[in-house]
C-alpha cells in the first residue's frame, strides 16, 4: 500500500438479511431519505412563522404526496440513467431496465420525475406548485446525503486518481490499483450537508414566504455542487470524458445552475407572503 493511502473500509452491501428478505444499504438510503424527509417537511409545514401564516400545503396533502414523489424518484431516476448514461446497453438488453437491484439511477432523471410528480399532484389538488416544490427541495439534501454514503459503502462511483498530496486517498476494491479520491464523500458533503445547511438557514430567515426561492436555490446550488464534485469523480466507463474534458454530470448540471439562478432571482423580487389580517370584531 503506498504511503499516505487509506485502506478502503470493506462493508457488507447487505444491511439487513432475514431469510429470503434482503435489504441493501442503497435501498435503505432511499427509504431513510423518504422517511426522514417526510418528518422534516411536516415540521416545516406546521411552523406558521416560516410561512407568514398557515402553510399553503395542508399536512394531509403532504402525506398523500409522499407516494407520488417516491414513484417520481424511482421511475425518473431509472429512466434518466437509461437515457443519459447507458442507452446503447439497454437497447440491446431491454429486460434489464426493470432490474433495479443491479443499480443504475440518475439524480437528474429522478429530479425530473419529482418535477412531474409535483406538477401532477398540484393540478389534481389545486395547490401551489412553487410552495410544494419548495418543501420537496428543502428535504432533498437528506436523501442525497444518504445516497452518496450508500455509494461509498458499496464502493462505487469512486473518484479520479489522487497523488500523495491527498492523505485520505483510497484504493477501492473495484477501482483498480491506483489510489483515488473518495468522491462519494465529497459529494455527500457538498450535495447533502452544505446544501441542507444553506437551505435551512434560508428557510429560517423567511425564504418560504417567497414561493419558488428554495426551489430555485436548490436547483442552482445542486448544479454548482455537482459540477465541483465531477472534477474529482471518475466518469462512467461507458461514457468517459465528453467534449473538452466535460462529463455527463457536468453537462446535465449547467442548465440547472442557469435555471435555478433565474428562478431564485424571480422569486426573490416577488412580494413576500404575509399572514392574513385578523378579522375585525364589532360590538353588537
Protein backbone atom coordinates (compact mmCIF):
# COMPACT_ATOMS: atom_id res chain seq x y z
CA UNK A 1 0.00 0.00 0.00
CA UNK A 2 1.57 3.36 -1.00
CA UNK A 3 2.43 5.88 1.68
CA UNK A 4 -0.43 8.19 2.74
CA UNK A 5 -3.09 5.88 1.33
CA UNK A 6 -6.07 4.79 3.41
CA UNK A 7 -7.40 1.28 3.15
CA UNK A 8 -10.99 1.25 1.94
CA UNK A 9 -13.21 0.01 4.80
CA UNK A 10 -14.90 -3.06 3.39
CA UNK A 11 -18.63 -3.00 4.08
CA UNK A 12 -21.22 -5.67 3.55
CA UNK A 13 -23.55 -4.20 0.88
CA UNK A 14 -26.45 -6.00 2.59
CA UNK A 15 -27.75 -4.06 5.58
CA UNK A 16 -30.46 -6.48 6.71
CA UNK A 17 -30.99 -10.14 5.81
CA UNK A 18 -33.98 -12.04 7.17
CA UNK A 19 -34.17 -15.34 5.35
CA UNK A 20 -35.09 -14.62 1.74
CA UNK A 21 -35.66 -10.93 2.53
CA UNK A 22 -32.56 -8.88 1.77
CA UNK A 23 -32.32 -5.11 2.18
CA UNK A 24 -29.24 -3.42 0.80
CA UNK A 25 -27.73 -0.19 2.09
CA UNK A 26 -28.67 1.59 -1.13
CA UNK A 27 -32.34 0.69 -0.72
CA UNK A 28 -32.14 1.64 2.95
CA UNK A 29 -30.75 5.04 1.95
CA UNK A 30 -33.80 5.67 -0.25
CA UNK A 31 -36.17 4.53 2.49
CA UNK A 32 -34.38 6.57 5.15
CA UNK A 33 -34.28 9.67 2.98
CA UNK A 34 -38.01 9.50 2.29
CA UNK A 35 -38.99 8.82 5.92
CA UNK A 36 -36.68 11.44 7.47
CA UNK A 37 -37.63 13.93 4.77
CA UNK A 38 -41.32 13.29 5.43
CA UNK A 39 -40.94 14.16 9.14
CA UNK A 40 -38.79 17.23 8.40
CA UNK A 41 -41.29 18.53 5.84
CA UNK A 42 -44.16 18.08 8.30
CA UNK A 43 -42.26 20.17 10.84
CA UNK A 44 -41.80 22.92 8.24
CA UNK A 45 -45.45 22.85 7.22
CA UNK A 46 -46.66 23.09 10.82
CA UNK A 47 -44.47 26.13 11.59
CA UNK A 48 -46.67 29.08 10.61
CA UNK A 49 -43.89 31.57 11.42
CA UNK A 50 -41.87 30.25 8.48
CA UNK A 51 -44.77 30.88 6.08
CA UNK A 52 -46.11 34.13 7.44
CA UNK A 53 -49.35 32.34 8.25
CA UNK A 54 -50.88 28.92 7.59
CA UNK A 55 -48.91 26.79 5.15
CA UNK A 56 -50.36 26.69 1.62
CA UNK A 57 -49.79 22.91 1.66
CA UNK A 58 -52.04 21.04 4.13
CA UNK A 59 -50.39 18.28 6.13
CA UNK A 60 -52.81 15.67 4.79
CA UNK A 61 -51.89 16.67 1.24
CA UNK A 62 -48.18 16.25 2.00
CA UNK A 63 -48.84 12.78 3.42
CA UNK A 64 -50.63 11.83 0.20
CA UNK A 65 -47.84 13.33 -1.92
CA UNK A 66 -45.18 11.01 -0.47
CA UNK A 67 -46.31 8.12 -2.68
CA UNK A 68 -46.31 10.37 -5.76
CA UNK A 69 -42.81 11.70 -5.18
CA UNK A 70 -41.45 8.23 -4.35
CA UNK A 71 -42.68 6.93 -7.69
CA UNK A 72 -41.29 10.03 -9.39
CA UNK A 73 -37.84 9.47 -7.90
CA UNK A 74 -37.69 5.78 -8.81
CA UNK A 75 -39.21 5.97 -12.30
CA UNK A 76 -37.43 9.21 -13.20
CA UNK A 77 -34.10 8.10 -11.78
CA UNK A 78 -34.12 4.86 -13.70
CA UNK A 79 -35.34 6.48 -16.92
CA UNK A 80 -32.64 9.13 -16.65
CA UNK A 81 -29.92 6.52 -16.19
CA UNK A 82 -31.14 4.53 -19.18
CA UNK A 83 -31.33 7.57 -21.47
CA UNK A 84 -28.31 9.60 -20.31
CA UNK A 85 -25.75 7.03 -19.22
CA UNK A 86 -26.23 3.62 -20.84
CA UNK A 87 -28.74 3.79 -23.68
CA UNK A 88 -26.85 1.50 -26.08
CA UNK A 89 -26.65 -1.27 -23.47
CA UNK A 90 -30.35 -1.12 -22.60
CA UNK A 91 -31.37 -1.09 -26.26
CA UNK A 92 -29.61 -4.43 -26.57
CA UNK A 93 -30.86 -5.71 -23.17
CA UNK A 94 -34.29 -4.09 -22.61
CA UNK A 95 -35.32 -6.60 -19.94
CA UNK A 96 -32.61 -5.23 -17.62
CA UNK A 97 -34.32 -1.83 -17.48
CA UNK A 98 -36.60 -3.25 -14.79
CA UNK A 99 -33.78 -4.90 -12.82
CA UNK A 100 -33.29 -2.02 -10.37
CA UNK A 101 -31.43 -4.20 -7.87
CA UNK A 102 -28.44 -4.21 -10.21
CA UNK A 103 -28.04 -0.46 -9.72
CA UNK A 104 -28.20 2.45 -12.11
CA UNK A 105 -30.07 5.60 -11.05
CA UNK A 106 -29.62 9.17 -12.25
CA UNK A 107 -30.18 12.19 -10.00
CA UNK A 108 -31.13 14.39 -12.93
CA UNK A 109 -33.72 11.86 -14.07
CA UNK A 110 -35.00 11.49 -10.51
CA UNK A 111 -35.30 15.25 -10.20
CA UNK A 112 -37.35 15.46 -13.40
CA UNK A 113 -39.54 12.68 -12.01
CA UNK A 114 -40.08 14.80 -8.88
CA UNK A 115 -40.97 17.82 -11.01
CA UNK A 116 -43.59 15.80 -12.89
CA UNK A 117 -44.95 14.43 -9.60
CA UNK A 118 -45.25 17.96 -8.15
CA UNK A 119 -46.99 19.31 -11.26
CA UNK A 120 -49.42 16.40 -11.48
CA UNK A 121 -50.23 16.39 -7.76
CA UNK A 122 -50.79 20.15 -7.59
CA UNK A 123 -53.01 20.01 -10.66
CA UNK A 124 -55.23 17.33 -9.09
CA UNK A 125 -55.38 19.08 -5.69
CA UNK A 126 -55.32 22.74 -6.84
CA UNK A 127 -52.23 23.51 -4.74
CA UNK A 128 -49.31 25.89 -5.20
CA UNK A 129 -46.68 24.29 -7.43
CA UNK A 130 -43.94 26.60 -6.16
CA UNK A 131 -44.68 26.05 -2.46
CA UNK A 132 -44.84 22.26 -2.82
CA UNK A 133 -41.63 22.45 -4.85
CA UNK A 134 -40.02 24.47 -2.06
CA UNK A 135 -40.88 21.87 0.59
CA UNK A 136 -39.78 18.97 -1.60
CA UNK A 137 -36.43 20.61 -2.34
CA UNK A 138 -35.90 21.58 1.30
CA UNK A 139 -35.80 17.88 2.22
CA UNK A 140 -33.95 16.77 -0.92
CA UNK A 141 -30.42 17.06 0.52
CA UNK A 142 -31.30 14.48 3.19
CA UNK A 143 -31.80 11.82 0.53
CA UNK A 144 -28.74 12.99 -1.39
CA UNK A 145 -26.55 12.67 1.71
CA UNK A 146 -27.74 9.15 2.46
CA UNK A 147 -27.50 8.14 -1.19
CA UNK A 148 -23.88 9.28 -1.50
CA UNK A 149 -22.97 7.50 1.73
CA UNK A 150 -24.55 4.35 0.27
CA UNK A 151 -22.41 4.82 -2.86
CA UNK A 152 -19.34 4.89 -0.63
CA UNK A 153 -20.42 1.80 1.31
CA UNK A 154 -20.94 -0.04 -1.98
CA UNK A 155 -17.50 1.06 -3.21
CA UNK A 156 -19.00 2.51 -6.40
CA UNK A 157 -18.79 5.83 -8.25
CA UNK A 158 -15.26 6.32 -6.94
CA UNK A 159 -13.06 9.30 -7.66
CA UNK A 160 -10.24 10.05 -10.05
CA UNK A 161 -6.65 9.01 -9.21
CA UNK A 162 -5.10 11.15 -6.45
CA UNK A 163 -1.43 11.88 -5.69
CA UNK A 164 0.49 11.98 -2.41
CA UNK A 165 -0.86 15.43 -1.53
CA UNK A 166 -4.23 13.81 -0.72
CA UNK A 167 -3.66 11.90 2.54
CA UNK A 168 -7.19 10.45 2.56
CA UNK A 169 -6.96 8.85 -0.89
CA UNK A 170 -8.14 5.24 -1.09
CA UNK A 171 -7.78 2.13 -3.22
CA UNK A 172 -11.30 0.97 -4.00
CA UNK A 173 -11.89 -2.79 -4.42
CA UNK A 174 -13.23 -2.43 -7.97
CA UNK A 175 -11.35 0.73 -8.92
CA UNK A 176 -8.03 -0.79 -9.91
CA UNK A 177 -4.68 -0.44 -8.11
CA UNK A 178 -4.50 3.37 -8.17
CA UNK A 179 -5.35 5.38 -5.01
CA UNK A 180 -8.36 7.60 -5.70
CA UNK A 181 -10.36 10.48 -4.27
CA UNK A 182 -13.29 9.28 -2.13
CA UNK A 183 -15.50 11.50 -4.29
CA UNK A 184 -18.68 9.96 -2.86
CA UNK A 185 -17.83 11.63 0.47
CA UNK A 186 -17.06 14.93 -1.25
CA UNK A 187 -20.48 14.82 -2.90
CA UNK A 188 -22.14 13.83 0.38
CA UNK A 189 -20.62 16.92 2.00
CA UNK A 190 -21.49 19.27 -0.86
CA UNK A 191 -24.86 17.98 -2.03
CA UNK A 192 -26.00 16.80 1.38
CA UNK A 193 -24.55 18.65 4.39
CA UNK A 194 -23.68 22.00 2.79
CA UNK A 195 -26.80 22.26 0.63
CA UNK A 196 -29.09 21.29 3.51
CA UNK A 197 -27.43 23.86 5.79
CA UNK A 198 -27.76 26.69 3.27
CA UNK A 199 -31.42 25.92 2.55
CA UNK A 200 -32.22 25.54 6.26
CA UNK A 201 -30.71 28.94 7.00
CA UNK A 202 -32.65 30.48 4.13
CA UNK A 203 -35.86 28.96 5.49
CA UNK A 204 -35.08 30.26 8.99
CA UNK A 205 -34.80 33.78 7.58
CA UNK A 206 -38.10 33.63 5.69
CA UNK A 207 -37.39 32.05 2.29
CA UNK A 208 -40.64 30.03 2.34
CA UNK A 209 -42.56 33.31 2.27
CA UNK A 210 -41.30 33.80 -1.29
CA UNK A 211 -42.62 30.78 -3.26
CA UNK A 212 -40.01 29.38 -5.60
CA UNK A 213 -36.98 30.75 -3.76
CA UNK A 214 -36.00 27.45 -2.12
CA UNK A 215 -36.84 25.56 -5.31
CA UNK A 216 -34.64 27.81 -7.44
CA UNK A 217 -31.85 27.86 -4.88
CA UNK A 218 -31.83 24.07 -4.64
CA UNK A 219 -31.70 23.67 -8.42
CA UNK A 220 -28.87 26.18 -8.85
CA UNK A 221 -26.81 25.20 -5.83
CA UNK A 222 -27.11 21.49 -6.53
CA UNK A 223 -25.97 22.09 -10.11
CA UNK A 224 -22.94 24.02 -8.87
CA UNK A 225 -22.12 21.41 -6.21
CA UNK A 226 -22.40 18.59 -8.73
CA UNK A 227 -20.09 20.34 -11.19
CA UNK A 228 -17.46 20.77 -8.45
CA UNK A 229 -17.84 17.13 -7.42
CA UNK A 230 -17.43 15.96 -11.01
CA UNK A 231 -13.89 17.34 -11.09
CA UNK A 232 -12.95 14.64 -8.56
CA UNK A 233 -15.24 11.82 -9.73
CA UNK A 234 -14.22 9.22 -12.30
CA UNK A 235 -16.59 9.40 -15.30
CA UNK A 236 -18.80 6.41 -16.04
CA UNK A 237 -16.66 3.96 -18.05
CA UNK A 238 -19.22 3.56 -20.85
CA UNK A 239 -19.17 7.33 -21.44
CA UNK A 240 -15.78 8.61 -20.31
CA UNK A 241 -14.96 12.27 -20.83
CA UNK A 242 -17.04 14.16 -23.36
CA UNK A 243 -16.40 17.47 -25.11
CA UNK A 244 -13.44 19.40 -23.71
CA UNK A 245 -12.98 17.04 -20.79
CA UNK A 246 -16.53 17.58 -19.55
CA UNK A 247 -18.56 14.75 -18.05
CA UNK A 248 -22.23 13.90 -18.50
CA UNK A 249 -22.88 15.04 -14.92
CA UNK A 250 -21.40 18.45 -15.73
CA UNK A 251 -23.38 18.85 -18.94
CA UNK A 252 -26.65 18.00 -17.20
CA UNK A 253 -25.88 20.35 -14.30
CA UNK A 254 -25.02 23.50 -16.26
CA UNK A 255 -28.68 24.15 -17.24
CA UNK A 256 -29.65 23.62 -13.59
CA UNK A 257 -27.34 26.44 -12.49
CA UNK A 258 -28.84 28.82 -15.06
CA UNK A 259 -32.49 27.89 -14.50
CA UNK A 260 -32.09 27.77 -10.72
CA UNK A 261 -30.45 31.20 -10.53
CA UNK A 262 -33.15 32.73 -12.75
CA UNK A 263 -35.98 31.18 -10.71
CA UNK A 264 -34.45 32.21 -7.37
CA UNK A 265 -33.95 35.79 -8.60
CA UNK A 266 -37.54 35.95 -9.88
CA UNK A 267 -38.90 34.59 -6.58
CA UNK A 268 -36.78 37.00 -4.55
CA UNK A 269 -38.16 40.00 -6.45
CA UNK A 270 -41.77 38.97 -5.88
CA UNK A 271 -43.70 40.25 -2.90
CA UNK A 272 -43.38 38.01 0.15
CA UNK A 273 -46.36 36.14 1.55
CA UNK A 274 -47.90 37.76 4.58
CA UNK A 275 -50.15 36.42 7.28
CA UNK A 276 -53.84 37.15 6.71
CA UNK A 277 -55.12 40.11 8.71
CA UNK A 278 -57.26 39.14 11.70
CA UNK A 279 -60.99 39.60 11.22
CA UNK A 280 -62.45 42.76 12.71
CA UNK A 281 -64.85 42.38 15.57
CA UNK A 282 -67.70 44.84 16.01
CA UNK A 283 -69.87 45.45 19.03
CA UNK A 284 -73.49 44.44 18.71
